[in-house]
Amino acid sequence: MVRAVDIADTLSKTELVRKINEEKKQAPEMEQRLHAEKMRKDSSDSAERTVQSEKSDMLIISDENRKKEKKSRRHKDEEPSPDEDGPQEAPGEHLDVKA
């Protein structure tokens, strides 16, 4: 037979066992939430820590842009305009064909 003390002890432990089982079920979910929160925080921290490029880098870039502009200007200046060389024939207007 079951003694009254054993029943009282078992009944008092059932609530604790139920809570432990709930916590075991919730542990992976909590771990996932904590990990997601940590990743979110890390990404926001890294965004705040971004460093502006140094001025020397900007000078190099602007110098390269300046060189490209000069080169394109030179090419435009070298191309003869239609007024300078006289009348220019449009492609396809004059054909030399031998039959």
N, C-alpha and C. Protein backbone atom coordinates (compact mmCIF):
# COMPACT_ATOMS: atom_id res chain seq x y z
N MET A 1 0.81 -1.19 0.00
CA MET A 1 0.00 0.00 0.00
C MET A 1 0.86 1.25 0.00
N VAL A 2 0.23 2.31 -0.42
CA VAL A 2 0.94 3.57 -0.51
C VAL A 2 0.69 4.35 0.75
N ARG A 3 1.78 4.87 1.26
CA ARG A 3 1.63 5.65 2.48
C ARG A 3 1.25 7.08 2.13
N ALA A 4 0.65 7.75 3.03
CA ALA A 4 0.20 9.13 2.82
C ALA A 4 1.37 10.06 2.57
N VAL A 5 2.49 9.79 3.20
CA VAL A 5 3.68 10.64 3.04
C VAL A 5 4.21 10.52 1.61
N ASP A 6 4.20 9.31 1.05
CA ASP A 6 4.67 9.10 -0.31
C ASP A 6 3.79 9.82 -1.33
N ILE A 7 2.48 9.78 -1.08
CA ILE A 7 1.55 10.45 -2.00
C ILE A 7 1.76 11.96 -1.94
N ALA A 8 1.90 12.51 -0.79
CA ALA A 8 2.11 13.95 -0.64
C ALA A 8 3.44 14.35 -1.29
N ASP A 9 4.46 13.54 -1.10
CA ASP A 9 5.76 13.82 -1.69
C ASP A 9 5.69 13.76 -3.21
N THR A 10 5.04 12.77 -3.74
CA THR A 10 4.90 12.61 -5.19
C THR A 10 4.09 13.75 -5.79
N LEU A 11 3.01 14.12 -5.14
CA LEU A 11 2.17 15.22 -5.64
C LEU A 11 2.93 16.55 -5.64
N SER A 12 3.75 16.76 -4.62
CA SER A 12 4.51 18.01 -4.56
C SER A 12 5.59 18.04 -5.65
N LYS A 13 6.09 16.88 -6.04
CA LYS A 13 7.14 16.83 -7.06
C LYS A 13 6.57 16.92 -8.47
N THR A 14 5.33 16.57 -8.68
CA THR A 14 4.77 16.58 -10.04
C THR A 14 4.76 18.00 -10.63
N GLU A 15 4.47 18.98 -9.82
CA GLU A 15 4.49 20.37 -10.30
C GLU A 15 5.90 20.77 -10.73
N LEU A 16 6.89 20.37 -9.95
CA LEU A 16 8.28 20.69 -10.28
C LEU A 16 8.71 19.97 -11.56
N VAL A 17 8.31 18.73 -11.70
CA VAL A 17 8.66 17.95 -12.89
C VAL A 17 8.01 18.58 -14.13
N ARG A 18 6.77 19.04 -13.99
CA ARG A 18 6.09 19.68 -15.10
C ARG A 18 6.83 20.95 -15.52
N LYS A 19 7.26 21.76 -14.56
CA LYS A 19 8.00 22.99 -14.86
C LYS A 19 9.34 22.69 -15.53
N ILE A 20 10.02 21.66 -15.05
CA ILE A 20 11.31 21.27 -15.64
C ILE A 20 11.11 20.84 -17.09
N ASN A 21 10.07 20.06 -17.33
CA ASN A 21 9.79 19.61 -18.70
C ASN A 21 9.46 20.78 -19.62
N GLU A 22 8.73 21.75 -19.12
CA GLU A 22 8.41 22.94 -19.92
C GLU A 22 9.68 23.72 -20.26
N GLU A 23 10.56 23.84 -19.27
CA GLU A 23 11.80 24.57 -19.50
C GLU A 23 12.68 23.84 -20.52
N LYS A 24 12.69 22.52 -20.48
CA LYS A 24 13.46 21.75 -21.45
C LYS A 24 12.92 21.97 -22.86
N LYS A 25 11.60 22.07 -22.99
CA LYS A 25 11.00 22.31 -24.29
C LYS A 25 11.30 23.72 -24.78
N GLN A 26 11.34 24.67 -23.87
CA GLN A 26 11.55 26.06 -24.25
C GLN A 26 13.02 26.41 -24.44
N ALA A 27 13.92 25.60 -23.96
CA ALA A 27 15.35 25.92 -24.03
C ALA A 27 15.84 26.13 -25.46
N PRO A 28 15.53 25.25 -26.42
CA PRO A 28 16.00 25.50 -27.80
C PRO A 28 15.42 26.78 -28.39
N GLU A 29 14.16 27.07 -28.09
CA GLU A 29 13.54 28.28 -28.59
C GLU A 29 14.22 29.52 -28.02
N MET A 30 14.51 29.48 -26.74
CA MET A 30 15.18 30.61 -26.09
C MET A 30 16.59 30.78 -26.66
N GLU A 31 17.26 29.67 -26.87
CA GLU A 31 18.62 29.73 -27.42
C GLU A 31 18.59 30.34 -28.82
N GLN A 32 17.61 29.95 -29.59
CA GLN A 32 17.50 30.50 -30.94
C GLN A 32 17.20 32.00 -30.89
N ARG A 33 16.31 32.41 -30.00
CA ARG A 33 15.99 33.84 -29.86
C ARG A 33 17.20 34.64 -29.42
N LEU A 34 17.94 34.08 -28.45
CA LEU A 34 19.14 34.78 -27.97
C LEU A 34 20.19 34.90 -29.07
N HIS A 35 20.35 33.83 -29.84
CA HIS A 35 21.31 33.86 -30.94
C HIS A 35 20.90 34.90 -32.00
N ALA A 36 19.61 34.94 -32.32
CA ALA A 36 19.12 35.90 -33.30
C ALA A 36 19.32 37.33 -32.79
N GLU A 37 19.06 37.55 -31.54
CA GLU A 37 19.24 38.88 -30.93
C GLU A 37 20.72 39.28 -30.96
N LYS A 38 21.59 38.32 -30.65
CA LYS A 38 23.03 38.59 -30.67
C LYS A 38 23.49 38.95 -32.07
N MET A 39 23.02 38.21 -33.08
CA MET A 39 23.39 38.49 -34.46
C MET A 39 22.89 39.88 -34.89
N ARG A 40 21.68 40.22 -34.48
CA ARG A 40 21.12 41.53 -34.81
C ARG A 40 21.97 42.64 -34.18
N LYS A 41 22.36 42.42 -32.93
CA LYS A 41 23.17 43.42 -32.22
C LYS A 41 24.55 43.54 -32.87
N ASP A 42 25.15 42.41 -33.22
CA ASP A 42 26.47 42.43 -33.86
C ASP A 42 26.43 43.18 -35.19
N SER A 43 25.39 42.94 -35.96
CA SER A 43 25.30 43.61 -37.26
C SER A 43 25.10 45.12 -37.09
N SER A 44 24.32 45.52 -36.10
CA SER A 44 24.13 46.96 -35.89
C SER A 44 25.40 47.59 -35.34
N ASP A 45 26.13 46.85 -34.50
CA ASP A 45 27.39 47.37 -33.97
C ASP A 45 28.42 47.52 -35.09
N SER A 46 28.48 46.55 -35.98
CA SER A 46 29.45 46.63 -37.06
C SER A 46 29.10 47.77 -38.01
N ALA A 47 27.81 48.03 -38.18
CA ALA A 47 27.41 49.16 -39.04
C ALA A 47 27.82 50.48 -38.41
N GLU A 48 27.77 50.56 -37.10
CA GLU A 48 28.16 51.79 -36.41
C GLU A 48 29.67 51.98 -36.44
N ARG A 49 30.41 50.88 -36.53
CA ARG A 49 31.87 50.96 -36.48
C ARG A 49 32.52 51.15 -37.85
N THR A 50 31.74 51.33 -38.89
CA THR A 50 32.35 51.49 -40.20
C THR A 50 33.19 52.75 -40.21
N VAL A 51 34.31 52.66 -40.91
CA VAL A 51 35.27 53.75 -40.93
C VAL A 51 35.19 54.43 -42.30
N GLN A 52 35.20 55.73 -42.29
CA GLN A 52 35.21 56.47 -43.54
C GLN A 52 36.56 56.26 -44.21
N SER A 53 36.55 56.28 -45.53
CA SER A 53 37.81 56.09 -46.24
C SER A 53 38.72 57.28 -45.98
N GLU A 54 40.00 57.00 -46.01
CA GLU A 54 40.96 58.06 -45.73
C GLU A 54 40.99 59.04 -46.89
N LYS A 55 41.48 60.24 -46.61
CA LYS A 55 41.53 61.26 -47.63
C LYS A 55 42.46 60.85 -48.77
N SER A 56 43.50 60.14 -48.45
CA SER A 56 44.44 59.72 -49.50
C SER A 56 43.73 58.85 -50.52
N ASP A 57 42.84 57.98 -50.07
CA ASP A 57 42.09 57.15 -51.00
C ASP A 57 41.20 58.01 -51.89
N MET A 58 40.59 58.99 -51.30
CA MET A 58 39.73 59.88 -52.07
C MET A 58 40.55 60.67 -53.09
N LEU A 59 41.76 61.08 -52.74
CA LEU A 59 42.61 61.82 -53.67
C LEU A 59 42.99 60.95 -54.86
N ILE A 60 43.29 59.70 -54.59
CA ILE A 60 43.65 58.78 -55.67
C ILE A 60 42.47 58.61 -56.63
N ILE A 61 41.29 58.45 -56.07
CA ILE A 61 40.10 58.28 -56.90
C ILE A 61 39.84 59.53 -57.73
N SER A 62 39.94 60.71 -57.10
CA SER A 62 39.68 61.94 -57.85
C SER A 62 40.76 62.17 -58.90
N ASP A 63 42.00 61.78 -58.61
CA ASP A 63 43.07 61.91 -59.58
C ASP A 63 42.81 61.01 -60.79
N GLU A 64 42.34 59.79 -60.54
CA GLU A 64 42.01 58.88 -61.63
C GLU A 64 40.87 59.45 -62.48
N ASN A 65 39.87 60.02 -61.82
CA ASN A 65 38.76 60.62 -62.55
C ASN A 65 39.24 61.78 -63.40
N ARG A 66 40.14 62.59 -62.87
CA ARG A 66 40.67 63.73 -63.60
C ARG A 66 41.42 63.25 -64.84
N LYS A 67 42.20 62.18 -64.70
CA LYS A 67 42.94 61.64 -65.84
C LYS A 67 41.99 61.13 -66.92
N LYS A 68 40.92 60.47 -66.51
CA LYS A 68 39.94 59.96 -67.46
C LYS A 68 39.28 61.11 -68.21
N GLU A 69 38.95 62.18 -67.50
CA GLU A 69 38.32 63.34 -68.14
C GLU A 69 39.26 63.97 -69.16
N LYS A 70 40.55 64.11 -68.80
CA LYS A 70 41.52 64.69 -69.72
C LYS A 70 41.64 63.82 -70.97
N LYS A 71 41.66 62.51 -70.77
CA LYS A 71 41.79 61.59 -71.88
C LYS A 71 40.59 61.70 -72.82
N SER A 72 39.40 61.76 -72.24
CA SER A 72 38.20 61.86 -73.08
C SER A 72 38.15 63.21 -73.79
N ARG A 73 38.63 64.27 -73.16
CA ARG A 73 38.68 65.59 -73.82
C ARG A 73 39.66 65.56 -74.98
N ARG A 74 40.82 64.90 -74.78
CA ARG A 74 41.81 64.80 -75.83
C ARG A 74 41.23 64.07 -77.05
N HIS A 75 40.50 62.99 -76.79
CA HIS A 75 39.91 62.23 -77.89
C HIS A 75 38.87 63.08 -78.62
N LYS A 76 38.12 63.86 -77.92
CA LYS A 76 37.12 64.72 -78.54
C LYS A 76 37.80 65.80 -79.38
N ASP A 77 38.91 66.34 -78.85
CA ASP A 77 39.63 67.38 -79.58
C ASP A 77 40.31 66.82 -80.83
N GLU A 78 40.76 65.59 -80.79
CA GLU A 78 41.45 64.98 -81.91
C GLU A 78 40.51 64.62 -83.05
N GLU A 79 39.26 64.34 -82.75
CA GLU A 79 38.30 63.98 -83.78
C GLU A 79 37.99 65.22 -84.62
N PRO A 80 38.19 65.14 -85.92
CA PRO A 80 37.91 66.32 -86.76
C PRO A 80 36.41 66.54 -86.88
N SER A 81 36.04 67.78 -86.87
CA SER A 81 34.63 68.09 -87.05
C SER A 81 34.34 68.15 -88.54
N PRO A 82 33.13 67.97 -88.99
CA PRO A 82 32.81 67.96 -90.42
C PRO A 82 33.12 69.30 -91.08
N ASP A 83 33.10 70.39 -90.37
CA ASP A 83 33.36 71.70 -90.95
C ASP A 83 34.84 71.87 -91.29
N GLU A 84 35.74 71.29 -90.55
CA GLU A 84 37.17 71.47 -90.73
C GLU A 84 37.69 70.78 -91.99
N ASP A 85 37.25 69.58 -92.29
CA ASP A 85 37.77 68.81 -93.41
C ASP A 85 36.96 69.02 -94.68
N GLY A 86 36.01 69.78 -94.66
CA GLY A 86 35.16 69.98 -95.82
C GLY A 86 33.98 69.04 -95.75
N PRO A 87 33.29 68.90 -96.86
CA PRO A 87 32.11 68.04 -96.84
C PRO A 87 32.50 66.57 -96.66
N GLN A 88 31.86 65.93 -95.79
CA GLN A 88 32.10 64.51 -95.52
C GLN A 88 30.99 63.70 -96.17
N GLU A 89 31.37 62.59 -96.75
CA GLU A 89 30.36 61.72 -97.33
C GLU A 89 29.80 60.82 -96.25
N ALA A 90 28.54 60.69 -96.26
CA ALA A 90 27.91 59.79 -95.30
C ALA A 90 28.14 58.37 -95.78
N PRO A 91 28.29 57.40 -94.90
CA PRO A 91 28.53 56.02 -95.33
C PRO A 91 27.37 55.51 -96.18
N GLY A 92 27.73 54.93 -97.32
CA GLY A 92 26.70 54.36 -98.18
C GLY A 92 26.26 55.28 -99.31
N GLU A 93 26.73 56.51 -99.36
CA GLU A 93 26.32 57.42 -100.43
C GLU A 93 27.11 57.16 -101.71
N HIS A 94 28.36 56.81 -101.60
CA HIS A 94 29.20 56.60 -102.76
C HIS A 94 29.67 55.14 -102.79
N LEU A 95 29.35 54.44 -103.85
CA LEU A 95 29.73 53.03 -103.97
C LEU A 95 30.53 52.82 -105.24
N ASP A 96 31.65 52.13 -105.13
CA ASP A 96 32.41 51.72 -106.30
C ASP A 96 32.09 50.27 -106.57
N VAL A 97 31.36 50.03 -107.66
CA VAL A 97 30.93 48.68 -107.97
C VAL A 97 31.40 48.35 -109.39
N LYS A 98 32.01 47.19 -109.55
CA LYS A 98 32.41 46.71 -110.88
C LYS A 98 31.53 45.53 -111.23
N ALA A 99 31.02 45.56 -112.43
CA ALA A 99 30.17 44.46 -112.85
C ALA A 99 30.89 43.53 -113.78
